[in-house]
Amino acid sequence: MTLETKKSVFVELGKFLSQFSEKESVKKSDVLHNETFFNDFEKLITLSQSHNGWYTPEQVFFAIKSWADALTEENIEKWLSNYSSEFAQNDKKEKTVALILAGNIPLVGFHDFLSVIITGNRALIKTSSNDQHLLPFLAKYLIAVDKNLKDKITFVEGKLENFDAVIATGSNNTARYFEYYFKDKPSIIRKNRNSAAILNGKETHEELEALGEDIFRYFGLGCRNVSKLFVPKGYSFDAFFQAVFKYQDVIHYEKYANNYDYNKAVFLMSNFKLLDNGFLTLKEDSSYASPISSVFYEYYEDIESLQTRLEADEEQIQCIVSNNLIKNSTAFGQSQNPQLWDYADNVDTITFLLTTK
């Protein structure tokens, strides 16, 4: 398969995914293999919550739309145009890359899968027990579009064997195991990371409302979800709470509500001072990793000092949301809409795959 062929296959997948929406899914006549896949994918979306209680239809549809928006010819060309020389120098030797995927949010491992296939390698995939159905379904669709992919994609349930490199995502504890187990293989090992937002008190209601999307999307389970706020001394959270009130319905979801009740009780029993609006607690804490239904906050003296702190903590941080208060920050409301060239942990997966022998 040529690079152009592989690009076109994923563009077709993007067209397929673009048909599905929480409001109304519309079957289009010009999408390949719809008769085989459209109805079954609708059913799978509906059933996803029975496979994983956090995968509500709203969250699964959001993930699908994000990938539909990403997998356009224009985006794929822009992404891969940065690697023209690497593709030209690639020795064409096909590698088998083991993928150990997380399952915290729907299709969280799709970018690694895409990267392996688009670089001409074989993907040996071990899915998370929390997300065992969505990616295999999309893989079947890709194979239907081009049967040459059949030998490039393998899902395994047991031990991973006969691979040349590995990309593994897990917790800090599992990462230590991965680093030991895969010490003799070229690897990308991803650990826990969290995202933060920086406020200066000048944010508009609309910006703070958009920040709510960064906090509550996927119930806060993603590494790109904002779990920490940095605010100036004397900051009043009144405007923040008014803006995020839009997301109050999250408390009606039982799994989230259970976490809210439990974590709030733990905080109160420990005599921690909390700010609380009935569905979100704010706790002053220097850590980045807050539990579900809670966001930590910390006061800062000035942006320059905060920039230094964040640079020192960069291995704990996935992305930073702000109104351009620091360089390379993400706009409010956009943390869960990364582009193809926004790499997890800032590790360039394409370069790794093209240069690893």
Protein backbone atom coordinates (compact mmCIF):
# COMPACT_ATOMS: atom_id res chain seq x y z
CA MET A 1 0.00 0.00 0.00
CA THR A 2 1.31 3.43 -0.91
CA LEU A 3 1.14 6.34 1.50
CA GLU A 4 -1.49 7.97 -0.70
CA THR A 5 -3.62 4.84 -0.53
CA LYS A 6 -3.40 4.72 3.26
CA LYS A 7 -4.34 8.39 3.48
CA SER A 8 -7.40 7.82 1.31
CA VAL A 9 -8.53 4.87 3.45
CA PHE A 10 -8.59 7.02 6.58
CA VAL A 11 -10.35 9.83 4.72
CA GLU A 12 -13.08 7.30 3.88
CA LEU A 13 -13.27 6.38 7.56
CA GLY A 14 -13.68 10.07 8.38
CA LYS A 15 -16.59 10.28 5.93
CA PHE A 16 -18.18 7.23 7.54
CA LEU A 17 -17.84 8.68 11.04
CA SER A 18 -19.23 12.06 9.93
CA GLN A 19 -22.68 10.52 9.52
CA PHE A 20 -23.17 9.93 13.25
CA SER A 21 -24.50 12.59 15.59
CA GLU A 22 -26.22 12.67 18.95
CA LYS A 23 -29.04 14.76 17.48
CA GLU A 24 -29.56 12.68 14.35
CA SER A 25 -27.45 10.20 12.41
CA VAL A 26 -27.93 10.56 8.66
CA LYS A 27 -27.02 7.77 6.27
CA LYS A 28 -25.32 9.21 3.18
CA SER A 29 -25.46 7.54 -0.21
CA ASP A 30 -21.85 8.32 -1.16
CA VAL A 31 -20.21 6.64 1.87
CA LEU A 32 -18.55 3.31 1.19
CA HIS A 33 -19.95 0.09 2.71
CA ASN A 34 -22.81 1.80 4.53
CA GLU A 35 -25.14 -1.13 3.92
CA THR A 36 -22.81 -3.36 5.89
CA PHE A 37 -21.67 -1.03 8.65
CA PHE A 38 -24.02 1.91 9.27
CA ASN A 39 -26.78 0.20 11.26
CA ASP A 40 -24.34 -1.96 13.22
CA PHE A 41 -22.32 1.07 14.26
CA GLU A 42 -25.47 2.83 15.46
CA LYS A 43 -26.24 -0.22 17.59
CA LEU A 44 -22.70 -0.33 18.95
CA ILE A 45 -22.90 3.31 20.03
CA THR A 46 -26.15 2.56 21.85
CA LEU A 47 -24.61 -0.48 23.54
CA SER A 48 -21.35 1.22 24.54
CA GLN A 49 -22.66 2.27 27.94
CA SER A 50 -23.46 -1.36 28.76
CA HIS A 51 -19.82 -2.22 28.02
CA ASN A 52 -18.48 0.73 30.02
CA GLY A 53 -20.76 2.78 32.25
CA TRP A 54 -18.83 5.99 31.53
CA TYR A 55 -19.35 5.63 27.76
CA THR A 56 -22.70 7.35 27.53
CA PRO A 57 -24.03 7.98 24.00
CA GLU A 58 -23.25 11.69 24.40
CA GLN A 59 -19.58 11.00 25.14
CA VAL A 60 -19.21 8.37 22.42
CA PHE A 61 -20.82 10.63 19.82
CA PHE A 62 -18.45 13.43 20.85
CA ALA A 63 -15.41 11.18 20.36
CA ILE A 64 -16.72 10.03 16.98
CA LYS A 65 -17.32 13.61 15.81
CA SER A 66 -13.83 14.60 16.95
CA TRP A 67 -12.31 11.91 14.76
CA ALA A 68 -14.65 12.67 11.87
CA ASP A 69 -13.46 16.28 12.00
CA ALA A 70 -9.80 15.21 12.19
CA LEU A 71 -9.82 12.63 9.39
CA THR A 72 -10.21 14.95 6.43
CA GLU A 73 -7.92 15.00 3.43
CA GLU A 74 -6.80 18.53 4.32
CA ASN A 75 -5.90 17.63 7.93
CA ILE A 76 -4.08 14.43 7.03
CA GLU A 77 -2.07 16.20 4.32
CA LYS A 78 -1.15 19.04 6.68
CA TRP A 79 -0.13 16.56 9.40
CA LEU A 80 2.05 14.32 7.25
CA SER A 81 3.60 17.10 5.15
CA ASN A 82 5.98 17.72 8.04
CA TYR A 83 7.55 14.29 7.51
CA SER A 84 8.32 14.25 3.79
CA SER A 85 12.02 13.56 4.30
CA GLU A 86 11.39 10.90 6.96
CA PHE A 87 8.96 9.06 4.68
CA ALA A 88 11.45 9.32 1.80
CA GLN A 89 14.28 7.91 3.92
CA ASN A 90 12.16 5.15 5.45
CA ASP A 91 13.76 1.82 4.57
CA LYS A 92 10.33 0.34 3.84
CA LYS A 93 11.03 -2.48 6.30
CA GLU A 94 7.70 -3.20 7.90
CA LYS A 95 7.70 -3.34 11.69
CA THR A 96 5.18 -4.91 14.01
CA VAL A 97 4.29 -2.37 16.67
CA ALA A 98 2.55 -3.55 19.82
CA LEU A 99 -0.09 -1.14 21.10
CA ILE A 100 -1.26 -1.37 24.70
CA LEU A 101 -4.22 0.97 24.83
CA ALA A 102 -5.94 2.81 27.65
CA GLY A 103 -9.73 2.89 27.99
CA ASN A 104 -10.47 5.96 30.05
CA ILE A 105 -12.29 7.73 27.20
CA PRO A 106 -13.76 6.38 23.94
CA LEU A 107 -11.19 5.66 21.20
CA VAL A 108 -8.39 7.12 23.29
CA GLY A 109 -5.85 4.90 21.51
CA PHE A 110 -6.97 5.68 17.97
CA HIS A 111 -4.16 8.15 17.25
CA ASP A 112 -1.50 5.53 18.00
CA PHE A 113 -3.33 3.03 15.81
CA LEU A 114 -3.61 5.58 12.99
CA SER A 115 0.07 6.47 13.28
CA VAL A 116 1.21 2.85 13.07
CA ILE A 117 -0.88 2.08 9.98
CA ILE A 118 -0.17 5.36 8.15
CA THR A 119 3.60 4.80 8.52
CA GLY A 120 3.33 1.42 6.82
CA ASN A 121 3.70 -0.79 9.87
CA ARG A 122 1.64 -3.60 11.37
CA ALA A 123 -0.40 -2.97 14.52
CA LEU A 124 -0.57 -5.66 17.19
CA ILE A 125 -3.25 -4.32 19.51
CA LYS A 126 -4.16 -5.11 23.09
CA THR A 127 -7.25 -3.10 23.94
CA SER A 128 -8.25 -2.04 27.42
CA SER A 129 -11.01 -4.09 29.04
CA ASN A 130 -12.87 -0.76 29.27
CA ASP A 131 -12.86 -0.16 25.51
CA GLN A 132 -12.92 -3.45 23.60
CA HIS A 133 -15.44 -2.79 20.85
CA LEU A 134 -15.13 0.60 19.14
CA LEU A 135 -11.63 0.30 17.63
CA PRO A 136 -12.11 -3.31 16.41
CA PHE A 137 -15.29 -2.19 14.64
CA LEU A 138 -13.51 0.70 12.92
CA ALA A 139 -10.66 -1.63 11.98
CA LYS A 140 -13.18 -3.90 10.23
CA TYR A 141 -14.48 -0.90 8.32
CA LEU A 142 -10.96 0.04 7.20
CA ILE A 143 -10.32 -3.52 6.02
CA ALA A 144 -13.57 -3.41 4.05
CA VAL A 145 -12.34 -0.24 2.34
CA ASP A 146 -8.98 -1.84 1.52
CA LYS A 147 -8.50 -5.56 2.08
CA ASN A 148 -4.70 -5.11 2.09
CA LEU A 149 -5.07 -3.86 5.67
CA LYS A 150 -6.24 -7.27 6.87
CA ASP A 151 -2.69 -8.46 7.48
CA LYS A 152 -1.71 -5.14 9.06
CA ILE A 153 -4.13 -5.19 12.01
CA THR A 154 -4.24 -7.87 14.71
CA PHE A 155 -6.07 -7.76 18.03
CA VAL A 156 -4.78 -9.99 20.82
CA GLU A 157 -6.22 -10.89 24.21
CA GLY A 158 -3.33 -12.78 25.76
CA LYS A 159 0.41 -12.25 25.80
CA LEU A 160 1.97 -9.93 23.25
CA GLU A 161 4.59 -11.74 21.19
CA ASN A 162 6.72 -11.19 18.06
CA PHE A 163 6.83 -7.41 17.83
CA ASP A 164 9.57 -4.92 17.05
CA ALA A 165 8.48 -1.85 19.03
CA VAL A 166 5.82 -0.91 21.55
CA ILE A 167 3.62 2.04 22.46
CA ALA A 168 2.00 1.51 25.85
CA THR A 169 -0.28 3.73 27.89
CA GLY A 170 -1.09 3.19 31.54
CA SER A 171 -0.81 4.51 35.06
CA ASN A 172 2.46 5.47 36.73
CA ASN A 173 2.50 2.04 38.36
CA THR A 174 1.92 0.08 35.16
CA ALA A 175 4.47 2.28 33.37
CA ARG A 176 7.19 0.95 35.67
CA TYR A 177 6.16 -2.58 34.70
CA PHE A 178 6.12 -1.63 31.00
CA GLU A 179 9.57 -0.04 31.24
CA TYR A 180 10.99 -3.22 32.73
CA TYR A 181 9.12 -5.67 30.53
CA PHE A 182 9.88 -3.80 27.29
CA LYS A 183 13.39 -2.64 28.20
CA ASP A 184 14.90 -4.38 25.17
CA LYS A 185 12.44 -2.89 22.66
CA PRO A 186 12.15 0.63 21.22
CA SER A 187 9.21 2.10 23.08
CA ILE A 188 6.98 4.99 23.99
CA ILE A 189 5.69 4.51 27.53
CA ARG A 190 3.00 6.94 28.65
CA LYS A 191 2.20 7.61 32.30
CA ASN A 192 -0.44 9.60 34.19
CA ARG A 193 -0.77 13.20 33.09
CA ASN A 194 -3.29 15.91 33.86
CA SER A 195 -4.21 19.25 32.38
CA ALA A 196 -4.42 22.66 33.99
CA ALA A 197 -5.99 26.04 33.30
CA ILE A 198 -4.60 29.46 34.13
CA LEU A 199 -7.04 32.27 34.98
CA ASN A 200 -6.30 35.94 35.62
CA GLY A 201 -9.79 37.16 36.51
CA LYS A 202 -10.34 38.90 33.17
CA GLU A 203 -12.02 35.95 31.46
CA THR A 204 -15.43 36.51 29.91
CA HIS A 205 -18.49 34.49 30.90
CA GLU A 206 -18.23 32.71 27.55
CA GLU A 207 -14.59 31.75 28.15
CA LEU A 208 -15.34 30.37 31.60
CA GLU A 209 -18.33 28.51 30.18
CA ALA A 210 -16.02 26.97 27.58
CA LEU A 211 -13.63 26.02 30.40
CA GLY A 212 -16.49 23.94 31.78
CA GLU A 213 -16.25 21.82 28.61
CA ASP A 214 -12.57 21.22 29.37
CA ILE A 215 -13.50 20.12 32.89
CA PHE A 216 -16.67 18.06 32.41
CA ARG A 217 -16.26 16.41 28.99
CA TYR A 218 -15.87 12.64 29.45
CA PHE A 219 -16.75 13.28 33.13
CA GLY A 220 -13.18 14.50 33.66
CA LEU A 221 -11.62 11.10 32.95
CA GLY A 222 -9.25 12.18 30.17
CA CYS A 223 -5.66 13.33 30.53
CA ARG A 224 -6.66 16.46 28.58
CA ASN A 225 -9.41 17.29 31.06
CA VAL A 226 -8.64 20.29 33.24
CA SER A 227 -8.22 19.04 36.80
CA LYS A 228 -6.24 21.99 38.19
CA LEU A 229 -6.80 25.76 38.17
CA PHE A 230 -4.10 28.35 38.74
CA VAL A 231 -5.64 31.64 39.88
CA PRO A 232 -4.18 34.97 41.09
CA LYS A 233 -4.23 35.77 44.79
CA GLY A 234 -7.57 37.20 45.85
CA TYR A 235 -9.40 35.54 42.96
CA SER A 236 -13.16 35.21 43.40
CA PHE A 237 -14.71 32.01 42.05
CA ASP A 238 -18.19 33.54 41.75
CA ALA A 239 -17.93 34.14 37.99
CA PHE A 240 -16.47 30.66 37.49
CA PHE A 241 -19.31 28.96 39.33
CA GLN A 242 -21.91 31.03 37.47
CA ALA A 243 -20.41 30.00 34.13
CA VAL A 244 -20.09 26.27 34.82
CA PHE A 245 -23.65 26.05 36.16
CA LYS A 246 -24.49 25.14 32.56
CA TYR A 247 -23.07 21.67 33.26
CA GLN A 248 -25.21 20.97 36.33
CA ASP A 249 -26.96 18.00 34.69
CA VAL A 250 -23.78 15.96 35.13
CA ILE A 251 -24.89 15.25 38.71
CA HIS A 252 -27.90 13.32 37.39
CA TYR A 253 -25.57 10.64 36.05
CA GLU A 254 -25.31 8.02 38.77
CA LYS A 255 -21.63 7.09 38.41
CA TYR A 256 -20.60 10.76 38.53
CA ALA A 257 -22.95 11.49 41.45
CA ASN A 258 -21.52 8.57 43.42
CA ASN A 259 -18.01 9.93 42.94
CA TYR A 260 -19.15 13.43 43.92
CA ASP A 261 -20.75 12.19 47.15
CA TYR A 262 -17.82 9.94 48.05
CA ASN A 263 -15.01 12.39 47.32
CA LYS A 264 -16.82 15.27 49.02
CA ALA A 265 -17.33 13.12 52.11
CA VAL A 266 -13.64 12.15 52.18
CA PHE A 267 -12.59 15.80 51.90
CA LEU A 268 -14.98 16.93 54.63
CA MET A 269 -13.97 14.14 57.02
CA SER A 270 -10.39 15.30 56.56
CA ASN A 271 -11.48 18.84 57.47
CA PHE A 272 -10.41 20.25 54.12
CA LYS A 273 -11.86 23.60 53.17
CA LEU A 274 -14.01 23.24 50.06
CA LEU A 275 -15.84 25.41 47.59
CA ASP A 276 -18.93 23.54 46.39
CA ASN A 277 -21.78 24.23 43.97
CA GLY A 278 -23.70 20.96 44.31
CA PHE A 279 -22.00 19.09 41.49
CA LEU A 280 -18.34 20.18 41.63
CA THR A 281 -15.98 20.76 44.53
CA LEU A 282 -12.94 23.02 44.43
CA LYS A 283 -10.08 22.27 46.81
CA GLU A 284 -6.87 24.21 47.30
CA ASP A 285 -4.14 21.67 46.58
CA SER A 286 -0.68 21.68 44.97
CA SER A 287 -1.32 18.39 43.13
CA TYR A 288 -2.44 18.20 39.50
CA ALA A 289 -4.50 14.99 39.75
CA SER A 290 -7.86 15.69 41.31
CA PRO A 291 -10.51 12.98 41.74
CA ILE A 292 -13.65 12.84 39.59
CA SER A 293 -16.12 15.66 40.43
CA SER A 294 -13.39 17.80 41.96
CA VAL A 295 -10.91 20.35 40.64
CA PHE A 296 -7.85 21.49 42.58
CA TYR A 297 -6.78 25.11 42.59
CA GLU A 298 -3.66 27.00 43.55
CA TYR A 299 -2.82 30.68 43.80
CA TYR A 300 0.08 32.20 41.86
CA GLU A 301 2.08 35.40 42.38
CA ASP A 302 2.88 36.28 38.76
CA ILE A 303 2.79 34.64 35.34
CA GLU A 304 6.58 34.51 34.97
CA SER A 305 7.03 32.50 38.17
CA LEU A 306 4.13 30.27 37.21
CA GLN A 307 5.68 29.65 33.81
CA THR A 308 8.85 28.46 35.53
CA ARG A 309 6.84 26.17 37.80
CA LEU A 310 4.94 24.66 34.89
CA GLU A 311 8.13 24.04 32.93
CA ALA A 312 9.55 22.19 35.93
CA ASP A 313 6.38 20.09 36.14
CA GLU A 314 6.04 19.46 32.40
CA GLU A 315 6.18 15.67 32.74
CA GLN A 316 3.01 15.79 34.85
CA ILE A 317 1.08 18.02 32.43
CA GLN A 318 -0.70 17.08 29.21
CA CYS A 319 -1.91 20.52 28.15
CA ILE A 320 -2.48 23.99 29.61
CA VAL A 321 -5.62 26.01 28.92
CA SER A 322 -5.59 29.81 29.08
CA ASN A 323 -6.39 32.98 27.18
CA ASN A 324 -2.84 33.15 25.75
CA LEU A 325 -1.39 33.84 29.21
CA ILE A 326 1.56 31.56 28.48
CA LYS A 327 3.10 30.23 25.27
CA ASN A 328 1.59 27.18 23.58
CA SER A 329 -1.55 27.22 25.69
CA THR A 330 -4.83 25.78 24.42
CA ALA A 331 -7.90 27.96 24.02
CA PHE A 332 -10.78 27.55 26.45
CA GLY A 333 -13.11 24.76 25.39
CA GLN A 334 -10.60 23.13 23.06
CA SER A 335 -8.63 20.75 25.28
CA GLN A 336 -10.65 17.75 24.04
CA ASN A 337 -10.25 18.71 20.38
CA PRO A 338 -6.58 18.02 19.68
CA GLN A 339 -5.33 18.14 16.11
CA LEU A 340 -3.55 15.21 14.48
CA TRP A 341 -0.24 16.98 15.13
CA ASP A 342 -0.95 17.47 18.86
CA TYR A 343 0.90 14.49 20.30
CA ALA A 344 0.23 12.94 23.68
CA ASP A 345 3.02 13.82 26.12
CA ASN A 346 4.58 15.88 23.27
CA VAL A 347 6.21 12.71 21.94
CA ASP A 348 6.21 12.68 18.13
CA THR A 349 4.80 9.25 17.33
CA ILE A 350 5.34 9.52 13.57
CA THR A 351 9.05 10.33 13.93
CA PHE A 352 9.41 7.43 16.40
CA LEU A 353 7.75 5.02 13.97
CA LEU A 354 9.67 6.19 10.90
CA THR A 355 13.12 6.29 12.50
CA THR A 356 13.02 3.25 14.78
CA LYS A 357 14.97 0.35 13.27
